[in-house]
Amino acid sequence: GGLRLAPLWTARAAAFLADALERSPDDTRTRLARARELTAVGILAGTDDEAARAFQDAVREAQEALRLDPASADAHYWAAAAYGLHADREGGRTKISLARLAHGHTLKALEIDPNHGGANHVLGRLHMGAKRLGFATRQIAKLLGLEFHDCDLELERQTGASINLIFDIEGEAGFREREHRM
């Protein structure tokens, strides 16, 4: 019973928070709470269209919170989470575009707060998504009779260091520079 009521509860919470924002439109914490609830509404949505609307609304709330407090790691995180979850339901160019936005907000959140648990989680999900793309690309190359090279594996072979260690020492910018030179 309770699981079937969850979408109703989150939708009601989002509506309650919308009412609160009418009274106090500059309340960043309420905006972030509404972004969180709208993200939950998107996760629990019955259709892709309902999910897309909820994620778009969550992004708008997070962006408004960023307008009010540009240094908010939480606002960047909720924008990244909504963009990333929306990307999970999309395909092709839309997926890539949304994933880029999620990535940008994730990096900004981590720049503000390197220990932000939610932003680190989103970054991990984005990296796992990229790994899945490598598997799909490998299969397509095999079907086409082409050779496939995994840049991460090649970089690890060349440096003798794991990708995680390269990230820890050089950060994403250093990793991307090495990746670009390959």
Protein backbone atom coordinates (compact mmCIF):
# COMPACT_ATOMS: atom_id res chain seq x y z
CA GLY A 1 0.00 0.00 0.00
CA GLY A 2 2.58 2.63 1.03
CA LEU A 3 4.65 2.31 -2.14
CA ARG A 4 1.63 3.01 -4.33
CA LEU A 5 0.94 6.16 -2.31
CA ALA A 6 4.50 7.49 -2.64
CA PRO A 7 3.86 9.37 -5.93
CA LEU A 8 0.85 11.03 -4.34
CA TRP A 9 2.82 12.03 -1.23
CA THR A 10 5.69 13.54 -3.21
CA ALA A 11 3.28 15.38 -5.53
CA ARG A 12 1.45 16.78 -2.49
CA ALA A 13 4.73 17.81 -0.88
CA ALA A 14 5.77 19.58 -4.11
CA ALA A 15 2.40 21.38 -4.23
CA PHE A 16 2.72 22.38 -0.56
CA LEU A 17 6.20 23.78 -1.22
CA ALA A 18 4.91 25.69 -4.27
CA ASP A 19 2.36 27.36 -1.98
CA ALA A 20 5.13 28.22 0.49
CA LEU A 21 7.16 29.79 -2.33
CA GLU A 22 4.26 32.03 -3.27
CA ARG A 23 4.52 33.52 0.21
CA SER A 24 8.35 33.58 0.29
CA PRO A 25 9.71 33.44 -3.28
CA ASP A 26 13.29 34.17 -2.18
CA ASP A 27 13.54 31.23 0.23
CA THR A 28 16.42 29.16 -1.16
CA ARG A 29 15.89 26.24 1.24
CA THR A 30 12.25 25.88 0.19
CA ARG A 31 13.27 26.02 -3.48
CA LEU A 32 15.78 23.24 -2.90
CA ALA A 33 13.20 21.18 -1.01
CA ARG A 34 10.81 21.60 -3.93
CA ALA A 35 13.55 20.60 -6.40
CA ARG A 36 14.10 17.46 -4.29
CA GLU A 37 10.39 16.60 -4.23
CA LEU A 38 9.97 17.28 -7.96
CA THR A 39 12.94 15.00 -8.65
CA ALA A 40 11.17 12.30 -6.61
CA VAL A 41 7.96 12.94 -8.58
CA GLY A 42 9.98 12.40 -11.78
CA ILE A 43 11.48 9.15 -10.49
CA LEU A 44 8.06 7.84 -9.51
CA ALA A 45 6.22 9.13 -12.60
CA GLY A 46 4.08 6.71 -14.54
CA THR A 47 5.03 8.01 -17.99
CA ASP A 48 8.14 9.49 -19.60
CA ASP A 49 6.23 12.72 -20.32
CA GLU A 50 5.26 13.12 -16.64
CA ALA A 51 8.84 12.39 -15.61
CA ALA A 52 10.25 14.90 -18.11
CA ARG A 53 7.91 17.64 -16.83
CA ALA A 54 8.82 16.92 -13.20
CA PHE A 55 12.58 16.90 -13.93
CA GLN A 56 12.29 20.14 -15.93
CA ASP A 57 10.40 21.75 -13.03
CA ALA A 58 13.07 20.48 -10.60
CA VAL A 59 15.79 22.05 -12.74
CA ARG A 60 13.89 25.36 -12.79
CA GLU A 61 13.67 25.36 -8.99
CA ALA A 62 17.38 24.54 -8.66
CA GLN A 63 18.27 27.29 -11.15
CA GLU A 64 16.15 29.78 -9.25
CA ALA A 65 17.94 28.73 -6.04
CA LEU A 66 21.24 29.35 -7.87
CA ARG A 67 20.03 32.81 -8.86
CA LEU A 68 19.41 33.50 -5.18
CA ASP A 69 22.62 31.82 -3.96
CA PRO A 70 25.17 31.19 -6.74
CA ALA A 71 27.56 29.50 -4.30
CA SER A 72 25.08 26.79 -3.32
CA ALA A 73 26.56 23.33 -3.86
CA ASP A 74 23.13 21.86 -3.06
CA ALA A 75 21.46 23.88 -5.83
CA HIS A 76 24.05 22.67 -8.33
CA TYR A 77 23.56 19.13 -7.04
CA TRP A 78 19.76 19.18 -7.47
CA ALA A 79 20.12 20.62 -10.97
CA ALA A 80 22.63 17.86 -11.79
CA ALA A 81 20.41 15.16 -10.29
CA ALA A 82 17.34 16.30 -12.24
CA TYR A 83 19.28 16.65 -15.50
CA GLY A 84 20.94 13.26 -14.99
CA LEU A 85 17.74 11.41 -14.16
CA HIS A 86 16.00 13.06 -17.10
CA ALA A 87 18.92 11.95 -19.33
CA ASP A 88 18.38 8.35 -18.16
CA ARG A 89 14.94 8.40 -19.82
CA GLU A 90 16.06 9.99 -23.07
CA GLY A 91 18.03 8.81 -26.05
CA GLY A 92 20.48 10.15 -28.59
CA ARG A 93 21.40 13.80 -28.65
CA THR A 94 18.95 14.74 -25.89
CA LYS A 95 20.61 12.25 -23.55
CA ILE A 96 24.07 13.65 -24.34
CA SER A 97 22.93 17.26 -23.96
CA LEU A 98 21.27 16.59 -20.59
CA ALA A 99 24.26 14.55 -19.39
CA ARG A 100 26.58 17.48 -20.23
CA LEU A 101 24.41 19.81 -18.18
CA ALA A 102 24.36 17.31 -15.29
CA HIS A 103 28.14 16.98 -15.52
CA GLY A 104 28.69 20.75 -15.47
CA HIS A 105 26.50 21.25 -12.40
CA THR A 106 28.13 18.27 -10.68
CA LEU A 107 31.61 19.69 -11.21
CA LYS A 108 30.48 23.10 -9.95
CA ALA A 109 28.96 21.52 -6.82
CA LEU A 110 32.22 19.65 -6.19
CA GLU A 111 34.25 22.80 -6.79
CA ILE A 112 32.21 24.49 -4.04
CA ASP A 113 32.17 21.44 -1.75
CA PRO A 114 34.56 18.61 -2.75
CA ASN A 115 32.97 16.33 -0.12
CA HIS A 116 29.36 16.80 -1.30
CA GLY A 117 28.01 13.26 -1.11
CA GLY A 118 25.21 13.77 -3.61
CA ALA A 119 27.46 15.41 -6.21
CA ASN A 120 30.04 12.63 -5.84
CA HIS A 121 27.24 10.10 -6.37
CA VAL A 122 26.07 11.87 -9.55
CA LEU A 123 29.64 12.00 -10.86
CA GLY A 124 29.95 8.25 -10.27
CA ARG A 125 26.68 7.59 -12.13
CA LEU A 126 27.84 9.73 -15.05
CA HIS A 127 31.13 7.85 -15.24
CA MET A 128 29.34 4.50 -15.15
CA GLY A 129 27.10 5.69 -17.98
CA ALA A 130 30.21 6.50 -20.00
CA LYS A 131 31.55 3.00 -19.28
CA ARG A 132 28.30 1.48 -20.61
CA LEU A 133 28.74 3.54 -23.79
CA GLY A 134 32.18 1.96 -24.18
CA PHE A 135 30.61 -1.51 -24.07
CA ALA A 136 28.04 -0.55 -26.69
CA THR A 137 30.70 1.03 -28.90
CA ARG A 138 32.84 -2.11 -28.58
CA GLN A 139 29.91 -4.25 -29.74
CA ILE A 140 29.18 -1.96 -32.71
CA ALA A 141 32.85 -1.98 -33.72
CA LYS A 142 32.86 -5.78 -33.55
CA LEU A 143 29.76 -6.00 -35.74
CA LEU A 144 31.36 -3.65 -38.27
CA GLY A 145 34.66 -5.54 -38.22
CA LEU A 146 36.52 -2.56 -36.78
CA GLU A 147 39.15 -2.45 -34.05
CA PHE A 148 38.07 -0.84 -30.77
CA HIS A 149 40.43 0.87 -28.33
CA ASP A 150 39.33 1.65 -24.79
CA CYS A 151 41.04 4.95 -23.89
CA ASP A 152 40.80 4.30 -20.15
CA LEU A 153 42.50 0.92 -20.42
CA GLU A 154 45.16 2.32 -22.75
CA LEU A 155 45.81 5.26 -20.41
CA GLU A 156 46.13 2.90 -17.44
CA ARG A 157 48.57 0.74 -19.46
CA GLN A 158 50.67 3.75 -20.51
CA THR A 159 50.85 5.37 -17.07
CA GLY A 160 50.77 2.34 -14.81
CA ALA A 161 48.16 4.18 -12.71
CA SER A 162 44.43 3.59 -12.36
CA ILE A 163 41.96 6.14 -13.71
CA ASN A 164 40.86 6.80 -10.12
CA LEU A 165 44.44 7.58 -9.08
CA ILE A 166 44.90 9.93 -12.06
CA PHE A 167 41.66 11.73 -11.04
CA ASP A 168 42.80 11.91 -7.41
CA ILE A 169 46.17 13.42 -8.31
CA GLU A 170 45.44 15.52 -11.41
CA GLY A 171 41.70 16.10 -11.18
CA GLU A 172 39.32 15.87 -14.10
CA ALA A 173 41.16 18.56 -16.08
CA GLY A 174 44.41 16.57 -15.96
CA PHE A 175 42.64 13.36 -16.90
CA ARG A 176 40.87 15.02 -19.86
CA GLU A 177 44.18 16.51 -21.05
CA ARG A 178 45.79 13.05 -21.02
CA GLU A 179 42.74 11.59 -22.71
CA HIS A 180 42.83 14.30 -25.39
CA ARG A 181 46.50 13.57 -26.18
CA MET A 182 45.75 9.90 -26.89
